[in-house]
């Protein structure tokens, strides 16, 4: 059985951006970890919760991306196999990906945690709406 290729939709492009962003954060985290060790830092620092630490914030951002990626993959899968598309899907996808990246930047920069909560609420709302549209 041959599977026909699927056209790149906005949700699939969003998935590509999400994956590239996650890879970029992992590369940044590895770079910071290697630099930390090179200047005599301890491996213990990697797992020590400290919101003042750039290393810790990067670790948390990477973990948060990895936690959220499967949810987005699932929604994109449902949208794709069901052939659900349209302006609302594209808008929700764009908002979701934008606020996923903004959430990461706010966390990395150590800005007000309330901004992260707002970003998370917007993302969750988008996922719920996309999921609803995918299954209805």
C-alpha atoms as a PDB file:
ATOM      1  CA  UNK A   1       0.000   0.000   0.000  1.00  0.00           C
ATOM      2  CA  UNK A   2       1.388   3.366  -0.994  1.00  0.00           C
ATOM      3  CA  UNK A   3       0.590   6.400   1.122  1.00  0.00           C
ATOM      4  CA  UNK A   4      -0.099   9.583  -0.782  1.00  0.00           C
ATOM      5  CA  UNK A   5       1.910  12.588   0.389  1.00  0.00           C
ATOM      6  CA  UNK A   6      -0.020  15.239   2.281  1.00  0.00           C
ATOM      7  CA  UNK A   7       0.304  18.886   1.337  1.00  0.00           C
ATOM      8  CA  UNK A   8       2.031  21.075   3.922  1.00  0.00           C
ATOM      9  CA  UNK A   9      -0.761  22.800   5.828  1.00  0.00           C
ATOM     10  CA  UNK A  10      -0.461  25.580   8.394  1.00  0.00           C
ATOM     11  CA  UNK A  11      -0.686  23.074  11.286  1.00  0.00           C
ATOM     12  CA  UNK A  12       2.088  20.989   9.692  1.00  0.00           C
ATOM     13  CA  UNK A  13       4.230  24.096   9.187  1.00  0.00           C
ATOM     14  CA  UNK A  14       3.517  24.937  12.829  1.00  0.00           C
ATOM     15  CA  UNK A  15       4.771  21.484  13.763  1.00  0.00           C
ATOM     16  CA  UNK A  16       7.952  22.062  11.755  1.00  0.00           C
ATOM     17  CA  UNK A  17       8.500  25.405  13.525  1.00  0.00           C
ATOM     18  CA  UNK A  18       7.824  23.795  16.928  1.00  0.00           C
ATOM     19  CA  UNK A  19      10.386  21.062  16.227  1.00  0.00           C
ATOM     20  CA  UNK A  20      13.019  23.509  14.949  1.00  0.00           C
ATOM     21  CA  UNK A  21      12.443  25.762  17.988  1.00  0.00           C
ATOM     22  CA  UNK A  22      12.808  22.771  20.330  1.00  0.00           C
ATOM     23  CA  UNK A  23      16.038  21.714  18.615  1.00  0.00           C
ATOM     24  CA  UNK A  24      17.386  25.290  18.851  1.00  0.00           C
ATOM     25  CA  UNK A  25      16.657  25.370  22.599  1.00  0.00           C
ATOM     26  CA  UNK A  26      18.339  21.974  23.090  1.00  0.00           C
ATOM     27  CA  UNK A  27      21.437  23.213  21.218  1.00  0.00           C
ATOM     28  CA  UNK A  28      21.479  26.387  23.332  1.00  0.00           C
ATOM     29  CA  UNK A  29      21.063  24.337  26.514  1.00  0.00           C
ATOM     30  CA  UNK A  30      23.922  22.008  25.527  1.00  0.00           C
ATOM     31  CA  UNK A  31      26.132  24.988  24.728  1.00  0.00           C
ATOM     32  CA  UNK A  32      25.409  26.592  28.104  1.00  0.00           C
ATOM     33  CA  UNK A  33      25.955  23.270  29.928  1.00  0.00           C
ATOM     34  CA  UNK A  34      29.284  22.659  28.194  1.00  0.00           C
ATOM     35  CA  UNK A  35      30.414  26.213  28.963  1.00  0.00           C
ATOM     36  CA  UNK A  36      29.271  25.798  32.585  1.00  0.00           C
ATOM     37  CA  UNK A  37      31.341  22.621  32.976  1.00  0.00           C
ATOM     38  CA  UNK A  38      34.326  24.129  31.142  1.00  0.00           C
ATOM     39  CA  UNK A  39      34.609  26.932  33.696  1.00  0.00           C
ATOM     40  CA  UNK A  40      34.474  24.485  36.606  1.00  0.00           C
ATOM     41  CA  UNK A  41      30.746  24.347  37.248  1.00  0.00           C
ATOM     42  CA  UNK A  42      29.225  21.277  38.804  1.00  0.00           C
ATOM     43  CA  UNK A  43      26.937  18.735  37.147  1.00  0.00           C
ATOM     44  CA  UNK A  44      24.762  19.084  40.271  1.00  0.00           C
ATOM     45  CA  UNK A  45      23.851  22.594  39.112  1.00  0.00           C
ATOM     46  CA  UNK A  46      21.888  21.131  36.186  1.00  0.00           C
ATOM     47  CA  UNK A  47      19.138  19.790  38.413  1.00  0.00           C
ATOM     48  CA  UNK A  48      19.129  22.416  41.131  1.00  0.00           C
ATOM     49  CA  UNK A  49      15.946  24.506  40.977  1.00  0.00           C
ATOM     50  CA  UNK A  50      16.958  28.151  40.856  1.00  0.00           C
ATOM     51  CA  UNK A  51      14.913  30.625  38.814  1.00  0.00           C
ATOM     52  CA  UNK A  52      17.843  33.043  38.961  1.00  0.00           C
ATOM     53  CA  UNK A  53      20.010  30.572  37.029  1.00  0.00           C
ATOM     54  CA  UNK A  54      20.043  30.896  33.235  1.00  0.00           C
ATOM     55  CA  UNK A  55      20.988  27.211  33.052  1.00  0.00           C
ATOM     56  CA  UNK A  56      17.969  26.186  35.138  1.00  0.00           C
ATOM     57  CA  UNK A  57      15.582  28.379  33.136  1.00  0.00           C
ATOM     58  CA  UNK A  58      16.883  26.876  29.876  1.00  0.00           C
ATOM     59  CA  UNK A  59      16.457  23.379  31.304  1.00  0.00           C
ATOM     60  CA  UNK A  60      12.854  24.174  32.283  1.00  0.00           C
ATOM     61  CA  UNK A  61      12.100  25.671  28.851  1.00  0.00           C
ATOM     62  CA  UNK A  62      13.474  22.561  27.140  1.00  0.00           C
ATOM     63  CA  UNK A  63      11.453  20.282  29.429  1.00  0.00           C
ATOM     64  CA  UNK A  64       8.311  22.331  28.852  1.00  0.00           C
ATOM     65  CA  UNK A  65       8.740  22.141  25.075  1.00  0.00           C
ATOM     66  CA  UNK A  66       9.202  18.376  25.221  1.00  0.00           C
ATOM     67  CA  UNK A  67       6.108  18.060  27.446  1.00  0.00           C
ATOM     68  CA  UNK A  68       3.937  20.104  25.081  1.00  0.00           C
ATOM     69  CA  UNK A  69       5.161  18.793  21.733  1.00  0.00           C
ATOM     70  CA  UNK A  70       3.178  15.505  21.920  1.00  0.00           C
ATOM     71  CA  UNK A  71      -0.055  17.412  22.565  1.00  0.00           C
ATOM     72  CA  UNK A  72       0.468  19.540  19.491  1.00  0.00           C
ATOM     73  CA  UNK A  73       1.532  16.515  17.417  1.00  0.00           C
ATOM     74  CA  UNK A  74      -1.684  14.759  18.424  1.00  0.00           C
ATOM     75  CA  UNK A  75      -3.860  17.684  17.391  1.00  0.00           C
ATOM     76  CA  UNK A  76      -2.001  18.062  14.073  1.00  0.00           C
ATOM     77  CA  UNK A  77      -2.388  14.336  13.457  1.00  0.00           C
ATOM     78  CA  UNK A  78      -6.145  14.515  13.985  1.00  0.00           C
ATOM     79  CA  UNK A  79      -6.503  17.621  11.830  1.00  0.00           C
ATOM     80  CA  UNK A  80      -4.439  16.042   9.061  1.00  0.00           C
ATOM     81  CA  UNK A  81      -6.055  12.605   8.924  1.00  0.00           C
ATOM     82  CA  UNK A  82      -9.525  14.098   9.173  1.00  0.00           C
ATOM     83  CA  UNK A  83      -8.745  16.704   6.489  1.00  0.00           C
ATOM     84  CA  UNK A  84      -9.885  19.563   8.703  1.00  0.00           C
ATOM     85  CA  UNK A  85      -8.589  22.934   7.534  1.00  0.00           C
ATOM     86  CA  UNK A  86      -9.606  26.538   7.082  1.00  0.00           C
ATOM     87  CA  UNK A  87      -8.968  30.054   8.281  1.00  0.00           C
ATOM     88  CA  UNK A  88      -9.881  29.289  11.902  1.00  0.00           C
ATOM     89  CA  UNK A  89      -7.437  26.356  11.995  1.00  0.00           C
ATOM     90  CA  UNK A  90      -4.688  28.478  10.480  1.00  0.00           C
ATOM     91  CA  UNK A  91      -5.311  31.341  12.915  1.00  0.00           C
ATOM     92  CA  UNK A  92      -5.414  29.085  15.976  1.00  0.00           C
ATOM     93  CA  UNK A  93      -2.247  27.322  14.834  1.00  0.00           C
ATOM     94  CA  UNK A  94      -0.437  30.624  14.301  1.00  0.00           C
ATOM     95  CA  UNK A  95      -1.501  31.931  17.713  1.00  0.00           C
ATOM     96  CA  UNK A  96      -0.512  28.659  19.400  1.00  0.00           C
ATOM     97  CA  UNK A  97       2.974  28.553  17.863  1.00  0.00           C
ATOM     98  CA  UNK A  98       3.547  32.273  18.479  1.00  0.00           C
ATOM     99  CA  UNK A  99       2.656  31.990  22.157  1.00  0.00           C
ATOM    100  CA  UNK A 100       4.644  28.750  22.499  1.00  0.00           C
ATOM    101  CA  UNK A 101       7.743  30.691  21.398  1.00  0.00           C
ATOM    102  CA  UNK A 102       6.851  33.792  23.448  1.00  0.00           C
ATOM    103  CA  UNK A 103       6.423  31.532  26.504  1.00  0.00           C
ATOM    104  CA  UNK A 104       9.956  30.191  25.981  1.00  0.00           C
ATOM    105  CA  UNK A 105      11.465  33.646  25.509  1.00  0.00           C
ATOM    106  CA  UNK A 106       9.721  35.018  28.617  1.00  0.00           C
ATOM    107  CA  UNK A 107      10.989  32.067  30.647  1.00  0.00           C
ATOM    108  CA  UNK A 108      14.554  32.252  29.301  1.00  0.00           C
ATOM    109  CA  UNK A 109      14.696  35.988  29.953  1.00  0.00           C
ATOM    110  CA  UNK A 110      13.449  35.479  33.518  1.00  0.00           C
ATOM    111  CA  UNK A 111      10.561  37.906  33.026  1.00  0.00           C
ATOM    112  CA  UNK A 112       7.432  38.054  35.147  1.00  0.00           C
ATOM    113  CA  UNK A 113       6.113  34.482  35.616  1.00  0.00           C
ATOM    114  CA  UNK A 114       2.567  35.806  35.186  1.00  0.00           C
ATOM    115  CA  UNK A 115       3.404  36.385  31.512  1.00  0.00           C
ATOM    116  CA  UNK A 116       4.217  32.680  31.196  1.00  0.00           C
ATOM    117  CA  UNK A 117       0.865  31.777  32.727  1.00  0.00           C
ATOM    118  CA  UNK A 118      -0.922  34.057  30.251  1.00  0.00           C
ATOM    119  CA  UNK A 119       1.010  32.482  27.356  1.00  0.00           C
ATOM    120  CA  UNK A 120       0.173  29.018  28.652  1.00  0.00           C
ATOM    121  CA  UNK A 121      -3.533  29.874  28.981  1.00  0.00           C
ATOM    122  CA  UNK A 122      -3.615  31.157  25.400  1.00  0.00           C
ATOM    123  CA  UNK A 123      -1.839  28.025  24.145  1.00  0.00           C
ATOM    124  CA  UNK A 124      -4.163  25.715  26.046  1.00  0.00           C
ATOM    125  CA  UNK A 125      -7.195  27.573  24.703  1.00  0.00           C
ATOM    126  CA  UNK A 126      -5.870  27.180  21.156  1.00  0.00           C
ATOM    127  CA  UNK A 127      -5.227  23.454  21.662  1.00  0.00           C
ATOM    128  CA  UNK A 128      -8.719  22.908  23.048  1.00  0.00           C
ATOM    129  CA  UNK A 129     -10.259  24.822  20.141  1.00  0.00           C
ATOM    130  CA  UNK A 130      -8.144  22.934  17.577  1.00  0.00           C
ATOM    131  CA  UNK A 131      -9.024  19.635  19.188  1.00  0.00           C
ATOM    132  CA  UNK A 132     -12.708  20.512  19.165  1.00  0.00           C
ATOM    133  CA  UNK A 133     -12.554  21.442  15.493  1.00  0.00           C
ATOM    134  CA  UNK A 134     -10.586  18.278  14.694  1.00  0.00           C
ATOM    135  CA  UNK A 135     -13.154  15.918  16.175  1.00  0.00           C
ATOM    136  CA  UNK A 136     -16.397  17.739  15.398  1.00  0.00           C
END
